[in-house]
Amino acid sequence: QINYLTAESGDRLFVILMSQSNAEEKVDIRFNAPDLGREPGTLKTAA
């Protein structure tokens, strides 16, 4: 139910999430850390 776009600015990743549902929706987002210059399991916080 969630459409998304991704964007980057070098040191920052943006995940733009857009719900297509008329109800509240829970979504899990998993990141591929090596694509972001990090080791797997080292991504701890997002905003």
All heavy atoms as atom14 arrays in JSON, in Angstrom:
{
  "sequence": "QINYLTAESGDRLFVILMSQSNAEEKVDIRFNAPDLGREPGTLKTAA",
  "atom14_mask": [
    [1, 1, 1, 1, 1, 1, 1, 1, 1, 0, 0, 0, 0, 0],
    [1, 1, 1, 1, 1, 1, 1, 1, 0, 0, 0, 0, 0, 0],
    [1, 1, 1, 1, 1, 1, 1, 1, 0, 0, 0, 0, 0, 0],
    [1, 1, 1, 1, 1, 1, 1, 1, 1, 1, 1, 1, 0, 0],
    [1, 1, 1, 1, 1, 1, 1, 1, 0, 0, 0, 0, 0, 0],
    [1, 1, 1, 1, 1, 1, 1, 0, 0, 0, 0, 0, 0, 0],
    [1, 1, 1, 1, 1, 0, 0, 0, 0, 0, 0, 0, 0, 0],
    [1, 1, 1, 1, 1, 1, 1, 1, 1, 0, 0, 0, 0, 0],
    [1, 1, 1, 1, 1, 1, 0, 0, 0, 0, 0, 0, 0, 0],
    [1, 1, 1, 1, 0, 0, 0, 0, 0, 0, 0, 0, 0, 0],
    [1, 1, 1, 1, 1, 1, 1, 1, 0, 0, 0, 0, 0, 0],
    [1, 1, 1, 1, 1, 1, 1, 1, 1, 1, 1, 0, 0, 0],
    [1, 1, 1, 1, 1, 1, 1, 1, 0, 0, 0, 0, 0, 0],
    [1, 1, 1, 1, 1, 1, 1, 1, 1, 1, 1, 0, 0, 0],
    [1, 1, 1, 1, 1, 1, 1, 0, 0, 0, 0, 0, 0, 0],
    [1, 1, 1, 1, 1, 1, 1, 1, 0, 0, 0, 0, 0, 0],
    [1, 1, 1, 1, 1, 1, 1, 1, 0, 0, 0, 0, 0, 0],
    [1, 1, 1, 1, 1, 1, 1, 1, 0, 0, 0, 0, 0, 0],
    [1, 1, 1, 1, 1, 1, 0, 0, 0, 0, 0, 0, 0, 0],
    [1, 1, 1, 1, 1, 1, 1, 1, 1, 0, 0, 0, 0, 0],
    [1, 1, 1, 1, 1, 1, 0, 0, 0, 0, 0, 0, 0, 0],
    [1, 1, 1, 1, 1, 1, 1, 1, 0, 0, 0, 0, 0, 0],
    [1, 1, 1, 1, 1, 0, 0, 0, 0, 0, 0, 0, 0, 0],
    [1, 1, 1, 1, 1, 1, 1, 1, 1, 0, 0, 0, 0, 0],
    [1, 1, 1, 1, 1, 1, 1, 1, 1, 0, 0, 0, 0, 0],
    [1, 1, 1, 1, 1, 1, 1, 1, 1, 0, 0, 0, 0, 0],
    [1, 1, 1, 1, 1, 1, 1, 0, 0, 0, 0, 0, 0, 0],
    [1, 1, 1, 1, 1, 1, 1, 1, 0, 0, 0, 0, 0, 0],
    [1, 1, 1, 1, 1, 1, 1, 1, 0, 0, 0, 0, 0, 0],
    [1, 1, 1, 1, 1, 1, 1, 1, 1, 1, 1, 0, 0, 0],
    [1, 1, 1, 1, 1, 1, 1, 1, 1, 1, 1, 0, 0, 0],
    [1, 1, 1, 1, 1, 1, 1, 1, 0, 0, 0, 0, 0, 0],
    [1, 1, 1, 1, 1, 0, 0, 0, 0, 0, 0, 0, 0, 0],
    [1, 1, 1, 1, 1, 1, 1, 0, 0, 0, 0, 0, 0, 0],
    [1, 1, 1, 1, 1, 1, 1, 1, 0, 0, 0, 0, 0, 0],
    [1, 1, 1, 1, 1, 1, 1, 1, 0, 0, 0, 0, 0, 0],
    [1, 1, 1, 1, 0, 0, 0, 0, 0, 0, 0, 0, 0, 0],
    [1, 1, 1, 1, 1, 1, 1, 1, 1, 1, 1, 0, 0, 0],
    [1, 1, 1, 1, 1, 1, 1, 1, 1, 0, 0, 0, 0, 0],
    [1, 1, 1, 1, 1, 1, 1, 0, 0, 0, 0, 0, 0, 0],
    [1, 1, 1, 1, 0, 0, 0, 0, 0, 0, 0, 0, 0, 0],
    [1, 1, 1, 1, 1, 1, 1, 0, 0, 0, 0, 0, 0, 0],
    [1, 1, 1, 1, 1, 1, 1, 1, 0, 0, 0, 0, 0, 0],
    [1, 1, 1, 1, 1, 1, 1, 1, 1, 0, 0, 0, 0, 0],
    [1, 1, 1, 1, 1, 1, 1, 0, 0, 0, 0, 0, 0, 0],
    [1, 1, 1, 1, 1, 0, 0, 0, 0, 0, 0, 0, 0, 0],
    [1, 1, 1, 1, 1, 0, 0, 0, 0, 0, 0, 0, 0, 0]
  ],
  "atom14_positions": [
    [[0.81, -1.21, 0.0], [0.0, 0.0, 0.0], [0.85, 1.27, 0.0], [0.32, 2.37, -0.19], [-0.92, 0.01, 1.24], [-2.02, -1.02, 1.22], [-3.13, -0.66, 0.26], [-3.18, 0.45, -0.27], [-4.03, -1.6, 0.02], [0.0, 0.0, 0.0], [0.0, 0.0, 0.0], [0.0, 0.0, 0.0], [0.0, 0.0, 0.0], [0.0, 0.0, 0.0]],
    [[2.16, 1.1, 0.21], [3.04, 2.26, 0.34], [3.89, 2.4, -0.91], [4.74, 1.56, -1.21], [3.95, 2.14, 1.59], [3.13, 1.78, 2.84], [4.73, 3.43, 1.79], [2.05, 2.78, 3.16], [0.0, 0.0, 0.0], [0.0, 0.0, 0.0], [0.0, 0.0, 0.0], [0.0, 0.0, 0.0], [0.0, 0.0, 0.0], [0.0, 0.0, 0.0]],
    [[3.68, 3.48, -1.66], [4.59, 3.85, -2.73], [5.75, 4.63, -2.14], [5.61, 5.29, -1.1], [3.88, 4.71, -3.78], [2.91, 3.92, -4.62], [2.99, 2.69, -4.69], [1.97, 4.6, -5.25], [0.0, 0.0, 0.0], [0.0, 0.0, 0.0], [0.0, 0.0, 0.0], [0.0, 0.0, 0.0], [0.0, 0.0, 0.0], [0.0, 0.0, 0.0]],
    [[6.9, 4.59, -2.82], [8.04, 5.32, -2.25], [9.0, 5.77, -3.34], [9.04, 5.23, -4.45], [8.78, 4.46, -1.22], [9.6, 3.32, -1.79], [10.97, 3.48, -2.04], [9.01, 2.09, -2.07], [11.7, 2.43, -2.57], [9.75, 1.05, -2.59], [11.1, 1.22, -2.83], [11.84, 0.19, -3.37], [0.0, 0.0, 0.0], [0.0, 0.0, 0.0]],
    [[9.76, 6.81, -3.01], [10.88, 7.31, -3.81], [12.09, 7.41, -2.89], [11.94, 7.61, -1.67], [10.58, 8.69, -4.39], [9.53, 8.79, -5.49], [9.11, 10.25, -5.67], [10.08, 8.24, -6.8], [0.0, 0.0, 0.0], [0.0, 0.0, 0.0], [0.0, 0.0, 0.0], [0.0, 0.0, 0.0], [0.0, 0.0, 0.0], [0.0, 0.0, 0.0]],
    [[13.28, 7.27, -3.45], [14.5, 7.48, -2.68], [15.33, 8.57, -3.34], [15.34, 8.71, -4.56], [15.33, 6.19, -2.56], [15.55, 5.63, -3.87], [14.62, 5.17, -1.7], [0.0, 0.0, 0.0], [0.0, 0.0, 0.0], [0.0, 0.0, 0.0], [0.0, 0.0, 0.0], [0.0, 0.0, 0.0], [0.0, 0.0, 0.0], [0.0, 0.0, 0.0]],
    [[16.02, 9.33, -2.5], [16.91, 10.39, -2.98], [18.11, 10.46, -2.04], [18.05, 9.98, -0.9], [16.18, 11.74, -3.04], [0.0, 0.0, 0.0], [0.0, 0.0, 0.0], [0.0, 0.0, 0.0], [0.0, 0.0, 0.0], [0.0, 0.0, 0.0], [0.0, 0.0, 0.0], [0.0, 0.0, 0.0], [0.0, 0.0, 0.0], [0.0, 0.0, 0.0]],
    [[19.19, 11.08, -2.52], [20.4, 11.17, -1.69], [21.11, 12.49, -1.94], [20.98, 13.09, -2.99], [21.34, 9.99, -1.96], [21.89, 9.91, -3.37], [23.18, 10.7, -3.56], [23.83, 11.05, -2.56], [23.53, 10.96, -4.72], [0.0, 0.0, 0.0], [0.0, 0.0, 0.0], [0.0, 0.0, 0.0], [0.0, 0.0, 0.0], [0.0, 0.0, 0.0]],
    [[21.86, 12.91, -0.92], [22.65, 14.14, -1.04], [24.07, 13.93, -0.52], [24.67, 14.83, 0.05], [21.98, 15.28, -0.26], [21.83, 14.94, 1.11], [0.0, 0.0, 0.0], [0.0, 0.0, 0.0], [0.0, 0.0, 0.0], [0.0, 0.0, 0.0], [0.0, 0.0, 0.0], [0.0, 0.0, 0.0], [0.0, 0.0, 0.0], [0.0, 0.0, 0.0]],
    [[24.59, 12.73, -0.7], [25.97, 12.44, -0.3], [26.06, 11.85, 1.08], [26.45, 10.7, 1.25], [0.0, 0.0, 0.0], [0.0, 0.0, 0.0], [0.0, 0.0, 0.0], [0.0, 0.0, 0.0], [0.0, 0.0, 0.0], [0.0, 0.0, 0.0], [0.0, 0.0, 0.0], [0.0, 0.0, 0.0], [0.0, 0.0, 0.0], [0.0, 0.0, 0.0]],
    [[25.71, 12.63, 2.09], [25.77, 12.14, 3.47], [24.39, 11.83, 4.03], [24.25, 11.48, 5.19], [26.46, 13.16, 4.37], [25.73, 14.49, 4.42], [24.82, 14.71, 3.58], [26.07, 15.33, 5.28], [0.0, 0.0, 0.0], [0.0, 0.0, 0.0], [0.0, 0.0, 0.0], [0.0, 0.0, 0.0], [0.0, 0.0, 0.0], [0.0, 0.0, 0.0]],
    [[23.33, 11.97, 3.19], [21.98, 11.79, 3.69], [21.14, 11.02, 2.67], [21.24, 11.26, 1.46], [21.33, 13.13, 3.99], [19.9, 13.05, 4.45], [19.31, 14.41, 4.72], [19.85, 14.99, 5.94], [20.47, 16.15, 6.01], [20.61, 16.88, 4.92], [20.94, 16.6, 7.15], [0.0, 0.0, 0.0], [0.0, 0.0, 0.0], [0.0, 0.0, 0.0]],
    [[20.31, 10.09, 3.16], [19.36, 9.38, 2.33], [17.96, 9.82, 2.71], [17.63, 9.97, 3.89], [19.48, 7.86, 2.54], [18.47, 7.0, 1.79], [18.8, 6.96, 0.3], [18.41, 5.59, 2.37], [0.0, 0.0, 0.0], [0.0, 0.0, 0.0], [0.0, 0.0, 0.0], [0.0, 0.0, 0.0], [0.0, 0.0, 0.0], [0.0, 0.0, 0.0]],
    [[17.11, 10.01, 1.69], [15.71, 10.35, 1.9], [14.85, 9.2, 1.37], [15.06, 8.73, 0.24], [15.32, 11.62, 1.13], [16.16, 12.82, 1.46], [17.33, 13.08, 0.77], [15.77, 13.71, 2.45], [18.1, 14.19, 1.04], [16.53, 14.83, 2.75], [17.71, 15.07, 2.04], [0.0, 0.0, 0.0], [0.0, 0.0, 0.0], [0.0, 0.0, 0.0]],
    [[13.88, 8.75, 2.16], [12.9, 7.77, 1.7], [11.53, 8.45, 1.82], [11.05, 8.72, 2.92], [12.93, 6.47, 2.52], [11.92, 5.48, 1.95], [14.33, 5.87, 2.51], [0.0, 0.0, 0.0], [0.0, 0.0, 0.0], [0.0, 0.0, 0.0], [0.0, 0.0, 0.0], [0.0, 0.0, 0.0], [0.0, 0.0, 0.0], [0.0, 0.0, 0.0]],
    [[10.94, 8.74, 0.67], [9.65, 9.45, 0.61], [8.55, 8.4, 0.52], [8.46, 7.67, -0.48], [9.62, 10.39, -0.61], [10.79, 11.39, -0.53], [8.29, 11.12, -0.68], [11.07, 12.1, -1.84], [0.0, 0.0, 0.0], [0.0, 0.0, 0.0], [0.0, 0.0, 0.0], [0.0, 0.0, 0.0], [0.0, 0.0, 0.0], [0.0, 0.0, 0.0]],
    [[7.74, 8.3, 1.54], [6.71, 7.27, 1.65], [5.33, 7.88, 1.42], [4.99, 8.9, 2.03], [6.76, 6.62, 3.03], [8.11, 6.0, 3.42], [8.18, 5.81, 4.93], [8.31, 4.68, 2.7], [0.0, 0.0, 0.0], [0.0, 0.0, 0.0], [0.0, 0.0, 0.0], [0.0, 0.0, 0.0], [0.0, 0.0, 0.0], [0.0, 0.0, 0.0]],
    [[4.53, 7.24, 0.56], [3.21, 7.76, 0.21], [2.19, 6.63, 0.31], [2.21, 5.7, -0.49], [3.22, 8.35, -1.21], [4.13, 9.56, -1.34], [4.46, 10.0, -3.08], [5.71, 8.75, -3.5], [0.0, 0.0, 0.0], [0.0, 0.0, 0.0], [0.0, 0.0, 0.0], [0.0, 0.0, 0.0], [0.0, 0.0, 0.0], [0.0, 0.0, 0.0]],
    [[1.31, 6.71, 1.29], [0.31, 5.67, 1.47], [-0.83, 5.83, 0.47], [-1.35, 6.93, 0.25], [-0.25, 5.71, 2.89], [-1.29, 4.75, 3.03], [0.0, 0.0, 0.0], [0.0, 0.0, 0.0], [0.0, 0.0, 0.0], [0.0, 0.0, 0.0], [0.0, 0.0, 0.0], [0.0, 0.0, 0.0], [0.0, 0.0, 0.0], [0.0, 0.0, 0.0]],
    [[-1.22, 4.71, -0.13], [-2.35, 4.72, -1.07], [-3.63, 4.23, -0.41], [-4.67, 4.14, -1.06], [-2.02, 3.83, -2.26], [-0.74, 4.2, -2.98], [-0.73, 5.63, -3.45], [-1.67, 6.09, -4.1], [0.31, 6.38, -3.11], [0.0, 0.0, 0.0], [0.0, 0.0, 0.0], [0.0, 0.0, 0.0], [0.0, 0.0, 0.0], [0.0, 0.0, 0.0]],
    [[-3.55, 3.93, 0.86], [-4.67, 3.33, 1.58], [-5.52, 4.39, 2.27], [-5.01, 5.43, 2.7], [-4.15, 2.34, 2.63], [-5.2, 1.86, 3.44], [0.0, 0.0, 0.0], [0.0, 0.0, 0.0], [0.0, 0.0, 0.0], [0.0, 0.0, 0.0], [0.0, 0.0, 0.0], [0.0, 0.0, 0.0], [0.0, 0.0, 0.0], [0.0, 0.0, 0.0]],
    [[-6.8, 4.1, 2.38], [-7.7, 4.98, 3.13], [-7.74, 4.63, 4.61], [-8.54, 5.2, 5.37], [-9.11, 4.9, 2.55], [-9.19, 5.53, 1.17], [-8.54, 6.54, 0.9], [-9.99, 4.94, 0.29], [0.0, 0.0, 0.0], [0.0, 0.0, 0.0], [0.0, 0.0, 0.0], [0.0, 0.0, 0.0], [0.0, 0.0, 0.0], [0.0, 0.0, 0.0]],
    [[-6.9, 3.68, 5.01], [-6.81, 3.3, 6.42], [-5.37, 3.53, 6.91], [-4.45, 3.72, 6.13], [-7.19, 1.83, 6.6], [0.0, 0.0, 0.0], [0.0, 0.0, 0.0], [0.0, 0.0, 0.0], [0.0, 0.0, 0.0], [0.0, 0.0, 0.0], [0.0, 0.0, 0.0], [0.0, 0.0, 0.0], [0.0, 0.0, 0.0], [0.0, 0.0, 0.0]],
    [[-5.18, 3.51, 8.21], [-3.85, 3.62, 8.78], [-3.03, 2.39, 8.39], [-3.54, 1.28, 8.4], [-3.96, 3.73, 10.29], [-2.67, 4.04, 11.0], [-2.9, 4.23, 12.49], [-2.99, 3.21, 13.2], [-3.0, 5.4, 12.94], [0.0, 0.0, 0.0], [0.0, 0.0, 0.0], [0.0, 0.0, 0.0], [0.0, 0.0, 0.0], [0.0, 0.0, 0.0]],
    [[-1.77, 2.6, 8.02], [-0.93, 1.5, 7.55], [0.42, 1.5, 8.26], [1.08, 2.53, 8.38], [-0.68, 1.62, 6.04], [-1.9, 1.47, 5.17], [-2.39, 0.04, 5.08], [-1.58, -0.88, 5.38], [-3.56, -0.17, 4.69], [0.0, 0.0, 0.0], [0.0, 0.0, 0.0], [0.0, 0.0, 0.0], [0.0, 0.0, 0.0], [0.0, 0.0, 0.0]],
    [[0.82, 0.32, 8.74], [2.14, 0.12, 9.32], [3.08, -0.39, 8.23], [2.68, -1.22, 7.4], [2.09, -0.88, 10.47], [3.43, -1.16, 11.14], [3.24, -2.12, 12.3], [4.57, -2.45, 12.97], [5.47, -3.2, 12.06], [0.0, 0.0, 0.0], [0.0, 0.0, 0.0], [0.0, 0.0, 0.0], [0.0, 0.0, 0.0], [0.0, 0.0, 0.0]],
    [[4.31, 0.08, 8.21], [5.26, -0.34, 7.18], [6.64, -0.52, 7.8], [7.06, 0.27, 8.66], [5.31, 0.69, 6.03], [5.68, 2.08, 6.53], [6.28, 0.26, 4.95], [0.0, 0.0, 0.0], [0.0, 0.0, 0.0], [0.0, 0.0, 0.0], [0.0, 0.0, 0.0], [0.0, 0.0, 0.0], [0.0, 0.0, 0.0], [0.0, 0.0, 0.0]],
    [[7.31, -1.58, 7.41], [8.7, -1.84, 7.8], [9.61, -1.51, 6.62], [9.35, -1.96, 5.5], [8.89, -3.3, 8.2], [8.14, -3.66, 9.48], [7.89, -2.74, 10.28], [7.8, -4.84, 9.65], [0.0, 0.0, 0.0], [0.0, 0.0, 0.0], [0.0, 0.0, 0.0], [0.0, 0.0, 0.0], [0.0, 0.0, 0.0], [0.0, 0.0, 0.0]],
    [[10.65, -0.72, 6.88], [11.61, -0.33, 5.85], [12.98, -0.87, 6.23], [13.5, -0.55, 7.31], [11.69, 1.2, 5.7], [10.3, 1.79, 5.49], [12.61, 1.58, 4.56], [9.73, 2.43, 6.71], [0.0, 0.0, 0.0], [0.0, 0.0, 0.0], [0.0, 0.0, 0.0], [0.0, 0.0, 0.0], [0.0, 0.0, 0.0], [0.0, 0.0, 0.0]],
    [[13.56, -1.7, 5.38], [14.88, -2.27, 5.64], [15.88, -1.67, 4.64], [15.62, -1.63, 3.44], [14.85, -3.79, 5.52], [16.18, -4.46, 5.87], [16.03, -5.96, 5.97], [15.08, -6.33, 7.02], [15.4, -6.41, 8.31], [16.64, -6.15, 8.71], [14.49, -6.75, 9.2], [0.0, 0.0, 0.0], [0.0, 0.0, 0.0], [0.0, 0.0, 0.0]],
    [[17.03, -1.23, 5.16], [18.04, -0.56, 4.35], [19.2, -1.51, 4.05], [19.56, -2.34, 4.89], [18.59, 0.67, 5.08], [17.53, 1.68, 5.41], [16.87, 1.64, 6.63], [17.18, 2.67, 4.5], [15.88, 2.56, 6.95], [16.2, 3.6, 4.81], [15.55, 3.55, 6.03], [0.0, 0.0, 0.0], [0.0, 0.0, 0.0], [0.0, 0.0, 0.0]],
    [[19.78, -1.36, 2.87], [20.99, -2.11, 2.52], [22.2, -1.25, 2.88], [22.6, -0.35, 2.13], [20.99, -2.45, 1.04], [22.13, -3.36, 0.66], [22.56, -4.19, 1.47], [22.65, -3.22, -0.53], [0.0, 0.0, 0.0], [0.0, 0.0, 0.0], [0.0, 0.0, 0.0], [0.0, 0.0, 0.0], [0.0, 0.0, 0.0], [0.0, 0.0, 0.0]],
    [[22.76, -1.48, 4.06], [23.8, -0.61, 4.62], [25.0, -0.43, 3.7], [25.52, 0.69, 3.58], [24.24, -1.14, 5.98], [0.0, 0.0, 0.0], [0.0, 0.0, 0.0], [0.0, 0.0, 0.0], [0.0, 0.0, 0.0], [0.0, 0.0, 0.0], [0.0, 0.0, 0.0], [0.0, 0.0, 0.0], [0.0, 0.0, 0.0], [0.0, 0.0, 0.0]],
    [[25.53, -1.47, 3.01], [26.7, -1.26, 2.15], [26.47, -0.22, 1.06], [27.41, 0.48, 0.67], [26.96, -2.65, 1.58], [26.45, -3.59, 2.62], [25.22, -2.92, 3.17], [0.0, 0.0, 0.0], [0.0, 0.0, 0.0], [0.0, 0.0, 0.0], [0.0, 0.0, 0.0], [0.0, 0.0, 0.0], [0.0, 0.0, 0.0], [0.0, 0.0, 0.0]],
    [[25.25, -0.11, 0.55], [24.97, 0.92, -0.46], [25.11, 2.32, 0.11], [25.26, 3.3, -0.63], [23.55, 0.76, -1.02], [23.43, -0.42, -1.96], [24.46, -0.83, -2.54], [22.31, -0.95, -2.1], [0.0, 0.0, 0.0], [0.0, 0.0, 0.0], [0.0, 0.0, 0.0], [0.0, 0.0, 0.0], [0.0, 0.0, 0.0], [0.0, 0.0, 0.0]],
    [[25.06, 2.43, 1.44], [25.12, 3.72, 2.11], [26.48, 3.98, 2.75], [26.64, 4.9, 3.54], [24.03, 3.79, 3.18], [22.61, 3.49, 2.69], [21.64, 3.43, 3.84], [22.17, 4.54, 1.68], [0.0, 0.0, 0.0], [0.0, 0.0, 0.0], [0.0, 0.0, 0.0], [0.0, 0.0, 0.0], [0.0, 0.0, 0.0], [0.0, 0.0, 0.0]],
    [[27.46, 3.14, 2.39], [28.8, 3.3, 2.93], [28.95, 2.86, 4.37], [29.89, 3.29, 5.05], [0.0, 0.0, 0.0], [0.0, 0.0, 0.0], [0.0, 0.0, 0.0], [0.0, 0.0, 0.0], [0.0, 0.0, 0.0], [0.0, 0.0, 0.0], [0.0, 0.0, 0.0], [0.0, 0.0, 0.0], [0.0, 0.0, 0.0], [0.0, 0.0, 0.0]],
    [[28.08, 1.97, 4.83], [28.12, 1.5, 6.21], [28.15, -0.01, 6.25], [27.7, -0.69, 5.32], [26.89, 2.03, 6.97], [26.78, 3.53, 7.01], [27.74, 4.15, 8.01], [27.34, 3.8, 9.36], [26.46, 4.5, 10.07], [25.87, 5.57, 9.55], [26.15, 4.13, 11.3], [0.0, 0.0, 0.0], [0.0, 0.0, 0.0], [0.0, 0.0, 0.0]],
    [[28.65, -0.56, 7.36], [28.65, -1.99, 7.56], [27.25, -2.47, 7.96], [26.51, -1.73, 8.61], [29.65, -2.38, 8.66], [31.11, -2.13, 8.3], [31.57, -3.02, 7.16], [31.11, -4.19, 7.1], [32.37, -2.56, 6.34], [0.0, 0.0, 0.0], [0.0, 0.0, 0.0], [0.0, 0.0, 0.0], [0.0, 0.0, 0.0], [0.0, 0.0, 0.0]],
    [[26.86, -3.68, 7.57], [25.55, -4.19, 7.96], [25.36, -4.17, 9.47], [26.28, -4.49, 10.24], [25.55, -5.63, 7.42], [26.5, -5.6, 6.27], [27.58, -4.63, 6.67], [0.0, 0.0, 0.0], [0.0, 0.0, 0.0], [0.0, 0.0, 0.0], [0.0, 0.0, 0.0], [0.0, 0.0, 0.0], [0.0, 0.0, 0.0], [0.0, 0.0, 0.0]],
    [[24.2, -3.76, 9.91], [23.89, -3.73, 11.33], [24.31, -2.47, 12.05], [24.08, -2.35, 13.26], [0.0, 0.0, 0.0], [0.0, 0.0, 0.0], [0.0, 0.0, 0.0], [0.0, 0.0, 0.0], [0.0, 0.0, 0.0], [0.0, 0.0, 0.0], [0.0, 0.0, 0.0], [0.0, 0.0, 0.0], [0.0, 0.0, 0.0], [0.0, 0.0, 0.0]],
    [[24.93, -1.51, 11.34], [25.44, -0.31, 12.01], [24.52, 0.9, 11.87], [24.83, 1.97, 12.4], [26.83, 0.06, 11.46], [26.73, 0.34, 10.05], [27.82, -1.07, 11.67], [0.0, 0.0, 0.0], [0.0, 0.0, 0.0], [0.0, 0.0, 0.0], [0.0, 0.0, 0.0], [0.0, 0.0, 0.0], [0.0, 0.0, 0.0], [0.0, 0.0, 0.0]],
    [[23.41, 0.76, 11.15], [22.45, 1.86, 11.05], [21.54, 1.81, 12.28], [20.78, 0.86, 12.47], [21.62, 1.73, 9.77], [22.41, 1.76, 8.46], [21.49, 1.46, 7.28], [23.1, 3.1, 8.27], [0.0, 0.0, 0.0], [0.0, 0.0, 0.0], [0.0, 0.0, 0.0], [0.0, 0.0, 0.0], [0.0, 0.0, 0.0], [0.0, 0.0, 0.0]],
    [[21.63, 2.82, 13.12], [20.94, 2.77, 14.42], [19.78, 3.74, 14.54], [18.82, 3.46, 15.26], [21.95, 3.05, 15.54], [23.09, 2.02, 15.61], [22.56, 0.61, 15.83], [23.69, -0.41, 15.95], [23.17, -1.8, 16.08], [0.0, 0.0, 0.0], [0.0, 0.0, 0.0], [0.0, 0.0, 0.0], [0.0, 0.0, 0.0], [0.0, 0.0, 0.0]],
    [[19.86, 4.91, 13.9], [18.78, 5.89, 14.06], [18.43, 6.51, 12.72], [19.25, 6.61, 11.81], [19.18, 7.02, 15.03], [20.35, 7.68, 14.54], [19.44, 6.47, 16.41], [0.0, 0.0, 0.0], [0.0, 0.0, 0.0], [0.0, 0.0, 0.0], [0.0, 0.0, 0.0], [0.0, 0.0, 0.0], [0.0, 0.0, 0.0], [0.0, 0.0, 0.0]],
    [[17.19, 6.93, 12.59], [16.69, 7.67, 11.44], [15.85, 8.82, 11.97], [15.61, 8.93, 13.18], [15.87, 6.76, 10.53], [0.0, 0.0, 0.0], [0.0, 0.0, 0.0], [0.0, 0.0, 0.0], [0.0, 0.0, 0.0], [0.0, 0.0, 0.0], [0.0, 0.0, 0.0], [0.0, 0.0, 0.0], [0.0, 0.0, 0.0], [0.0, 0.0, 0.0]],
    [[15.43, 9.67, 11.08], [14.6, 10.81, 11.48], [13.43, 10.94, 10.52], [13.53, 10.6, 9.34], [15.42, 12.09, 11.49], [0.0, 0.0, 0.0], [0.0, 0.0, 0.0], [0.0, 0.0, 0.0], [0.0, 0.0, 0.0], [0.0, 0.0, 0.0], [0.0, 0.0, 0.0], [0.0, 0.0, 0.0], [0.0, 0.0, 0.0], [0.0, 0.0, 0.0]]
  ]
}
